[in-house]
Amino acid sequence: MKIMIVEDEKNIREDLQVLLESAMYEVVAAEQFDNISEQIVRVQPDLVLLDIKLPGQNGREICQEVRRHTDIPIIFVTSDDDVMAEIKGMLAGGDDYIAKPYHPSLLLARIAAVLKRTGRKPEEEQYVLEYRGVKLDIRTYKLEYQGQQVEVSKNECKLLHYLFRRQGEVVPRLDLIEYLWDNEVFIDDNALSVTVTRIRSKLEEISVTDFIETKRGAGYRI
């Protein structure tokens, strides 16, 4: 499933990209905002997350232009939570509307609902991964084992998701550091060790031990 992000605020755009890629979506993020409607039609994503307040052109106008060529699902993501703004967005051809700030799980649920409603339903395994009886739900940031559950933080979920996707492989520490803290300049290597220790502690809470293996001088493996 390919999702296109049309958001001019760089930090929000990057956070959205990380969230969606963690949910195993393919992501295309627009960085130039001239002829956005043409970009959307050319890329042909399965869904568009469209900000309303963009440089040069209103998101509702872009939506109307896109609707002349395709029925690609469009969700407006905007800081404007006024009821009339939402109504105008729906009348312009939007499929849903979510106001900032939003909970990541809510956004993922809205995306799944729109994809399902428009016949582009993502597979459940995109959200729930399982290995050796341990389940990771990236929508709720929860680990489950034999009916026991524990909640993990955003970074803990990202690290686990990366390891789940590379089951049996030794993942280098540098790869994990770059994946977790790509936009931060000064990150102590110890931060990764602390994150892994916290995850192990939470796994023990649900009776899971020796799940994450340390390969000294190399990295981690599940």
C-alpha atoms as a PDB file:
ATOM      1  CA  MET A   1       0.000   0.000   0.000  1.00  0.00           C
ATOM      2  CA  LYS A   2       1.400   3.379  -1.029  1.00  0.00           C
ATOM      3  CA  ILE A   3       0.503   6.564   0.867  1.00  0.00           C
ATOM      4  CA  MET A   4       1.420  10.051  -0.295  1.00  0.00           C
ATOM      5  CA  ILE A   5       1.993  12.792   2.285  1.00  0.00           C
ATOM      6  CA  VAL A   6       1.297  16.392   1.264  1.00  0.00           C
ATOM      7  CA  GLU A   7       2.399  18.436   4.275  1.00  0.00           C
ATOM      8  CA  ASP A   8       4.589  21.545   4.129  1.00  0.00           C
ATOM      9  CA  GLU A   9       5.802  21.464   7.764  1.00  0.00           C
ATOM     10  CA  LYS A  10       8.994  19.416   7.622  1.00  0.00           C
ATOM     11  CA  ASN A  11       8.866  18.030  11.184  1.00  0.00           C
ATOM     12  CA  ILE A  12       5.262  16.883  10.838  1.00  0.00           C
ATOM     13  CA  ARG A  13       5.984  15.391   7.415  1.00  0.00           C
ATOM     14  CA  GLU A  14       8.957  13.425   8.731  1.00  0.00           C
ATOM     15  CA  ASP A  15       7.025  12.186  11.785  1.00  0.00           C
ATOM     16  CA  LEU A  16       4.204  11.019   9.528  1.00  0.00           C
ATOM     17  CA  GLN A  17       6.648   9.244   7.257  1.00  0.00           C
ATOM     18  CA  VAL A  18       8.238   7.369  10.174  1.00  0.00           C
ATOM     19  CA  LEU A  19       4.806   6.391  11.534  1.00  0.00           C
ATOM     20  CA  LEU A  20       3.572   5.099   8.196  1.00  0.00           C
ATOM     21  CA  GLU A  21       6.768   3.261   7.317  1.00  0.00           C
ATOM     22  CA  SER A  22       6.676   1.634  10.756  1.00  0.00           C
ATOM     23  CA  ALA A  23       3.169   0.456   9.822  1.00  0.00           C
ATOM     24  CA  MET A  24       4.731  -1.061   6.678  1.00  0.00           C
ATOM     25  CA  TYR A  25       3.239   1.364   4.190  1.00  0.00           C
ATOM     26  CA  GLU A  26       5.247   2.565   1.227  1.00  0.00           C
ATOM     27  CA  VAL A  27       5.508   6.339   1.595  1.00  0.00           C
ATOM     28  CA  VAL A  28       5.937   9.150  -0.911  1.00  0.00           C
ATOM     29  CA  ALA A  29       6.381  12.575   0.703  1.00  0.00           C
ATOM     30  CA  ALA A  30       5.960  15.694  -1.423  1.00  0.00           C
ATOM     31  CA  GLU A  31       8.621  18.337  -0.798  1.00  0.00           C
ATOM     32  CA  GLN A  32       7.756  20.706  -3.636  1.00  0.00           C
ATOM     33  CA  PHE A  33       4.233  22.102  -3.638  1.00  0.00           C
ATOM     34  CA  ASP A  34       3.844  23.360  -7.179  1.00  0.00           C
ATOM     35  CA  ASN A  35       1.348  21.353  -9.232  1.00  0.00           C
ATOM     36  CA  ILE A  36       0.543  19.026  -6.319  1.00  0.00           C
ATOM     37  CA  SER A  37      -2.595  17.687  -7.978  1.00  0.00           C
ATOM     38  CA  GLU A  38      -0.512  16.639 -10.984  1.00  0.00           C
ATOM     39  CA  GLN A  39       2.013  14.964  -8.678  1.00  0.00           C
ATOM     40  CA  ILE A  40      -0.755  12.983  -6.964  1.00  0.00           C
ATOM     41  CA  VAL A  41      -2.246  11.820 -10.250  1.00  0.00           C
ATOM     42  CA  ARG A  42       1.192  10.849 -11.532  1.00  0.00           C
ATOM     43  CA  VAL A  43       2.211   8.923  -8.384  1.00  0.00           C
ATOM     44  CA  GLN A  44      -1.177   7.138  -8.126  1.00  0.00           C
ATOM     45  CA  PRO A  45      -0.937   6.332  -4.394  1.00  0.00           C
ATOM     46  CA  ASP A  46      -3.520   4.188  -2.613  1.00  0.00           C
ATOM     47  CA  LEU A  47      -4.287   7.105  -0.278  1.00  0.00           C
ATOM     48  CA  VAL A  48      -3.282  10.745   0.222  1.00  0.00           C
ATOM     49  CA  LEU A  49      -2.798  12.573   3.524  1.00  0.00           C
ATOM     50  CA  LEU A  50      -3.422  16.183   2.507  1.00  0.00           C
ATOM     51  CA  ASP A  51      -2.856  19.308   4.591  1.00  0.00           C
ATOM     52  CA  ILE A  52      -5.332  22.114   3.930  1.00  0.00           C
ATOM     53  CA  LYS A  53      -3.064  25.094   4.518  1.00  0.00           C
ATOM     54  CA  LEU A  54      -0.349  24.758   1.909  1.00  0.00           C
ATOM     55  CA  PRO A  55       1.872  27.389   0.267  1.00  0.00           C
ATOM     56  CA  GLY A  56       0.267  28.759  -2.861  1.00  0.00           C
ATOM     57  CA  GLN A  57      -2.884  26.660  -2.917  1.00  0.00           C
ATOM     58  CA  ASN A  58      -5.593  25.487  -0.559  1.00  0.00           C
ATOM     59  CA  GLY A  59      -5.804  21.740   0.070  1.00  0.00           C
ATOM     60  CA  ARG A  60      -9.517  21.707  -0.760  1.00  0.00           C
ATOM     61  CA  GLU A  61      -8.768  23.164  -4.193  1.00  0.00           C
ATOM     62  CA  ILE A  62      -6.128  20.480  -4.728  1.00  0.00           C
ATOM     63  CA  CYS A  63      -8.634  17.809  -3.735  1.00  0.00           C
ATOM     64  CA  GLN A  64     -11.170  19.128  -6.247  1.00  0.00           C
ATOM     65  CA  GLU A  65      -8.553  19.094  -9.011  1.00  0.00           C
ATOM     66  CA  VAL A  66      -7.546  15.518  -8.163  1.00  0.00           C
ATOM     67  CA  ARG A  67     -11.198  14.435  -8.201  1.00  0.00           C
ATOM     68  CA  ARG A  68     -11.456  15.450 -11.876  1.00  0.00           C
ATOM     69  CA  HIS A  69      -8.998  12.675 -12.724  1.00  0.00           C
ATOM     70  CA  THR A  70      -9.135   9.963 -10.054  1.00  0.00           C
ATOM     71  CA  ASP A  71     -11.002   8.661  -7.002  1.00  0.00           C
ATOM     72  CA  ILE A  72      -7.843   8.123  -4.903  1.00  0.00           C
ATOM     73  CA  PRO A  73      -8.906   8.287  -1.214  1.00  0.00           C
ATOM     74  CA  ILE A  74      -7.955  11.583   0.444  1.00  0.00           C
ATOM     75  CA  ILE A  75      -7.776  12.290   4.181  1.00  0.00           C
ATOM     76  CA  PHE A  76      -7.389  15.914   5.215  1.00  0.00           C
ATOM     77  CA  VAL A  77      -4.897  16.317   8.078  1.00  0.00           C
ATOM     78  CA  THR A  78      -5.053  19.863   9.427  1.00  0.00           C
ATOM     79  CA  SER A  79      -4.731  22.057  12.517  1.00  0.00           C
ATOM     80  CA  ASP A  80      -8.147  23.553  11.739  1.00  0.00           C
ATOM     81  CA  ASP A  81     -10.698  21.590  13.800  1.00  0.00           C
ATOM     82  CA  ASP A  82     -13.662  23.851  13.018  1.00  0.00           C
ATOM     83  CA  VAL A  83     -16.840  21.935  12.086  1.00  0.00           C
ATOM     84  CA  MET A  84     -17.457  24.055   8.987  1.00  0.00           C
ATOM     85  CA  ALA A  85     -13.891  23.412   7.816  1.00  0.00           C
ATOM     86  CA  GLU A  86     -14.557  19.680   8.078  1.00  0.00           C
ATOM     87  CA  ILE A  87     -17.814  20.001   6.153  1.00  0.00           C
ATOM     88  CA  LYS A  88     -16.086  22.011   3.416  1.00  0.00           C
ATOM     89  CA  GLY A  89     -13.402  19.352   3.196  1.00  0.00           C
ATOM     90  CA  MET A  90     -15.995  16.607   2.706  1.00  0.00           C
ATOM     91  CA  LEU A  91     -17.843  18.669   0.113  1.00  0.00           C
ATOM     92  CA  ALA A  92     -14.558  19.194  -1.757  1.00  0.00           C
ATOM     93  CA  GLY A  93     -14.278  15.433  -2.159  1.00  0.00           C
ATOM     94  CA  GLY A  94     -12.335  14.358   0.922  1.00  0.00           C
ATOM     95  CA  ASP A  95     -12.925  10.880   2.348  1.00  0.00           C
ATOM     96  CA  ASP A  96     -12.096  11.761   5.950  1.00  0.00           C
ATOM     97  CA  TYR A  97     -10.795  14.605   8.094  1.00  0.00           C
ATOM     98  CA  ILE A  98      -8.537  14.482  11.155  1.00  0.00           C
ATOM     99  CA  ALA A  99      -7.372  17.456  13.201  1.00  0.00           C
ATOM    100  CA  LYS A 100      -3.886  17.984  14.599  1.00  0.00           C
ATOM    101  CA  PRO A 101      -2.682  17.039  17.126  1.00  0.00           C
ATOM    102  CA  TYR A 102      -3.875  13.468  16.696  1.00  0.00           C
ATOM    103  CA  HIS A 103      -2.941  10.176  18.343  1.00  0.00           C
ATOM    104  CA  PRO A 104      -0.871   8.006  15.942  1.00  0.00           C
ATOM    105  CA  SER A 105      -3.115   4.988  16.603  1.00  0.00           C
ATOM    106  CA  LEU A 106      -6.184   7.047  15.674  1.00  0.00           C
ATOM    107  CA  LEU A 107      -4.629   8.171  12.406  1.00  0.00           C
ATOM    108  CA  LEU A 108      -3.646   4.597  11.489  1.00  0.00           C
ATOM    109  CA  ALA A 109      -7.183   3.448  12.316  1.00  0.00           C
ATOM    110  CA  ARG A 110      -8.681   6.189  10.126  1.00  0.00           C
ATOM    111  CA  ILE A 111      -6.378   5.235   7.271  1.00  0.00           C
ATOM    112  CA  ALA A 112      -7.336   1.554   7.586  1.00  0.00           C
ATOM    113  CA  ALA A 113     -11.031   2.457   7.685  1.00  0.00           C
ATOM    114  CA  VAL A 114     -10.836   4.608   4.555  1.00  0.00           C
ATOM    115  CA  LEU A 115      -8.831   1.971   2.668  1.00  0.00           C
ATOM    116  CA  LYS A 116     -11.376  -0.676   3.655  1.00  0.00           C
ATOM    117  CA  ARG A 117     -14.330   1.525   2.718  1.00  0.00           C
ATOM    118  CA  THR A 118     -12.821   2.321  -0.663  1.00  0.00           C
ATOM    119  CA  GLY A 119     -11.937  -1.283  -1.424  1.00  0.00           C
ATOM    120  CA  ARG A 120      -8.210  -0.933  -0.728  1.00  0.00           C
ATOM    121  CA  LYS A 121      -8.129  -2.815   2.585  1.00  0.00           C
ATOM    122  CA  PRO A 122      -4.625  -3.392   3.992  1.00  0.00           C
ATOM    123  CA  GLU A 123      -3.794  -6.813   5.342  1.00  0.00           C
ATOM    124  CA  GLU A 124      -4.034  -7.307   9.114  1.00  0.00           C
ATOM    125  CA  GLU A 125      -0.466  -8.552   9.284  1.00  0.00           C
ATOM    126  CA  GLN A 126       0.685  -5.053   8.459  1.00  0.00           C
ATOM    127  CA  TYR A 127      -0.240  -4.125  12.015  1.00  0.00           C
ATOM    128  CA  VAL A 128       0.312  -7.267  14.080  1.00  0.00           C
ATOM    129  CA  LEU A 129       3.601  -9.143  13.819  1.00  0.00           C
ATOM    130  CA  GLU A 130       4.336 -12.409  15.607  1.00  0.00           C
ATOM    131  CA  TYR A 131       7.514 -14.334  16.380  1.00  0.00           C
ATOM    132  CA  ARG A 132       8.021 -17.212  18.806  1.00  0.00           C
ATOM    133  CA  GLY A 133       4.577 -16.599  20.269  1.00  0.00           C
ATOM    134  CA  VAL A 134       5.226 -12.908  20.962  1.00  0.00           C
ATOM    135  CA  LYS A 135       2.898 -10.490  19.183  1.00  0.00           C
ATOM    136  CA  LEU A 136       3.667  -6.829  18.479  1.00  0.00           C
ATOM    137  CA  ASP A 137       0.727  -4.558  17.656  1.00  0.00           C
ATOM    138  CA  ILE A 138       2.095  -1.353  16.141  1.00  0.00           C
ATOM    139  CA  ARG A 139      -1.329   0.328  16.288  1.00  0.00           C
ATOM    140  CA  THR A 140      -1.552   0.148  20.077  1.00  0.00           C
ATOM    141  CA  TYR A 141       2.171  -0.083  20.973  1.00  0.00           C
ATOM    142  CA  LYS A 142       1.538  -3.339  22.842  1.00  0.00           C
ATOM    143  CA  LEU A 143       3.360  -6.639  23.233  1.00  0.00           C
ATOM    144  CA  GLU A 144       1.355  -9.784  23.933  1.00  0.00           C
ATOM    145  CA  TYR A 145       2.352 -13.274  25.024  1.00  0.00           C
ATOM    146  CA  GLN A 146      -0.062 -16.019  26.081  1.00  0.00           C
ATOM    147  CA  GLY A 147      -2.777 -13.532  26.958  1.00  0.00           C
ATOM    148  CA  GLN A 148      -0.482 -11.167  28.869  1.00  0.00           C
ATOM    149  CA  GLN A 149       0.047  -7.639  27.537  1.00  0.00           C
ATOM    150  CA  VAL A 150       2.433  -4.780  28.180  1.00  0.00           C
ATOM    151  CA  GLU A 151       2.650  -1.348  26.555  1.00  0.00           C
ATOM    152  CA  VAL A 152       5.872  -0.059  24.997  1.00  0.00           C
ATOM    153  CA  SER A 153       7.015   3.441  24.050  1.00  0.00           C
ATOM    154  CA  LYS A 154       7.184   4.755  20.497  1.00  0.00           C
ATOM    155  CA  ASN A 155      10.930   4.123  20.155  1.00  0.00           C
ATOM    156  CA  GLU A 156      10.664   0.713  21.797  1.00  0.00           C
ATOM    157  CA  CYS A 157       7.916  -0.193  19.317  1.00  0.00           C
ATOM    158  CA  LYS A 158      10.019   1.031  16.393  1.00  0.00           C
ATOM    159  CA  LEU A 159      13.033  -0.994  17.503  1.00  0.00           C
ATOM    160  CA  LEU A 160      10.958  -4.139  17.995  1.00  0.00           C
ATOM    161  CA  HIS A 161       9.241  -3.644  14.652  1.00  0.00           C
ATOM    162  CA  TYR A 162      12.628  -3.409  12.925  1.00  0.00           C
ATOM    163  CA  LEU A 163      13.800  -6.626  14.588  1.00  0.00           C
ATOM    164  CA  PHE A 164      10.518  -8.428  13.833  1.00  0.00           C
ATOM    165  CA  ARG A 165      10.895  -7.563  10.162  1.00  0.00           C
ATOM    166  CA  ARG A 166      14.409  -9.043  10.149  1.00  0.00           C
ATOM    167  CA  GLN A 167      13.774 -12.208  12.150  1.00  0.00           C
ATOM    168  CA  GLY A 168      16.853 -14.391  12.519  1.00  0.00           C
ATOM    169  CA  GLU A 169      19.206 -11.685  11.273  1.00  0.00           C
ATOM    170  CA  VAL A 170      21.814  -9.916  13.358  1.00  0.00           C
ATOM    171  CA  VAL A 171      20.881  -6.254  12.982  1.00  0.00           C
ATOM    172  CA  PRO A 172      23.911  -3.944  13.373  1.00  0.00           C
ATOM    173  CA  ARG A 173      23.735  -1.394  16.179  1.00  0.00           C
ATOM    174  CA  LEU A 174      24.432   1.434  13.729  1.00  0.00           C
ATOM    175  CA  ASP A 175      21.429   0.437  11.593  1.00  0.00           C
ATOM    176  CA  LEU A 176      19.164   0.586  14.633  1.00  0.00           C
ATOM    177  CA  ILE A 177      20.576   3.913  15.831  1.00  0.00           C
ATOM    178  CA  GLU A 178      20.074   5.509  12.416  1.00  0.00           C
ATOM    179  CA  TYR A 179      16.537   4.080  12.184  1.00  0.00           C
ATOM    180  CA  LEU A 180      15.502   5.289  15.645  1.00  0.00           C
ATOM    181  CA  TRP A 181      17.241   8.662  15.772  1.00  0.00           C
ATOM    182  CA  ASP A 182      17.745   9.627  12.135  1.00  0.00           C
ATOM    183  CA  ASN A 183      17.003  13.343  12.635  1.00  0.00           C
ATOM    184  CA  GLU A 184      18.948  13.835  15.863  1.00  0.00           C
ATOM    185  CA  VAL A 185      22.579  14.876  15.619  1.00  0.00           C
ATOM    186  CA  PHE A 186      24.037  13.927  19.008  1.00  0.00           C
ATOM    187  CA  ILE A 187      22.964  10.465  20.159  1.00  0.00           C
ATOM    188  CA  ASP A 188      24.996   8.544  22.722  1.00  0.00           C
ATOM    189  CA  ASP A 189      25.522   4.924  21.653  1.00  0.00           C
ATOM    190  CA  ASN A 190      24.388   4.021  25.168  1.00  0.00           C
ATOM    191  CA  ALA A 191      20.857   5.207  24.302  1.00  0.00           C
ATOM    192  CA  LEU A 192      20.333   2.073  22.219  1.00  0.00           C
ATOM    193  CA  SER A 193      21.503  -0.194  25.047  1.00  0.00           C
ATOM    194  CA  VAL A 194      19.117   1.563  27.439  1.00  0.00           C
ATOM    195  CA  THR A 195      16.207   1.103  25.016  1.00  0.00           C
ATOM    196  CA  VAL A 196      16.957  -2.614  24.607  1.00  0.00           C
ATOM    197  CA  THR A 197      17.223  -3.037  28.392  1.00  0.00           C
ATOM    198  CA  ARG A 198      13.812  -1.420  28.858  1.00  0.00           C
ATOM    199  CA  ILE A 199      12.274  -3.695  26.230  1.00  0.00           C
ATOM    200  CA  ARG A 200      13.757  -6.782  27.897  1.00  0.00           C
ATOM    201  CA  SER A 201      12.341  -5.647  31.234  1.00  0.00           C
ATOM    202  CA  LYS A 202       8.874  -5.265  29.704  1.00  0.00           C
ATOM    203  CA  LEU A 203       9.135  -8.661  28.020  1.00  0.00           C
ATOM    204  CA  GLU A 204       9.905 -10.183  31.412  1.00  0.00           C
ATOM    205  CA  GLU A 205       6.667  -8.634  32.708  1.00  0.00           C
ATOM    206  CA  ILE A 206       4.790 -10.922  30.294  1.00  0.00           C
ATOM    207  CA  SER A 207       7.004 -13.940  31.079  1.00  0.00           C
ATOM    208  CA  VAL A 208       9.271 -13.698  28.007  1.00  0.00           C
ATOM    209  CA  THR A 209      13.008 -14.134  28.514  1.00  0.00           C
ATOM    210  CA  ASP A 210      15.958 -14.446  26.115  1.00  0.00           C
ATOM    211  CA  PHE A 211      13.891 -12.996  23.263  1.00  0.00           C
ATOM    212  CA  ILE A 212      16.418 -10.386  22.120  1.00  0.00           C
ATOM    213  CA  GLU A 213      19.911 -11.810  21.693  1.00  0.00           C
ATOM    214  CA  THR A 214      22.993  -9.589  21.938  1.00  0.00           C
ATOM    215  CA  LYS A 215      25.773 -10.387  19.485  1.00  0.00           C
ATOM    216  CA  ARG A 216      28.703  -8.683  21.106  1.00  0.00           C
ATOM    217  CA  GLY A 217      30.433  -6.227  18.809  1.00  0.00           C
ATOM    218  CA  ALA A 218      27.786  -6.731  16.119  1.00  0.00           C
ATOM    219  CA  GLY A 219      24.207  -5.998  17.105  1.00  0.00           C
ATOM    220  CA  TYR A 220      20.934  -7.653  18.132  1.00  0.00           C
ATOM    221  CA  ARG A 221      18.824 -10.540  16.891  1.00  0.00           C
ATOM    222  CA  ILE A 222      15.474 -12.135  17.676  1.00  0.00           C
END
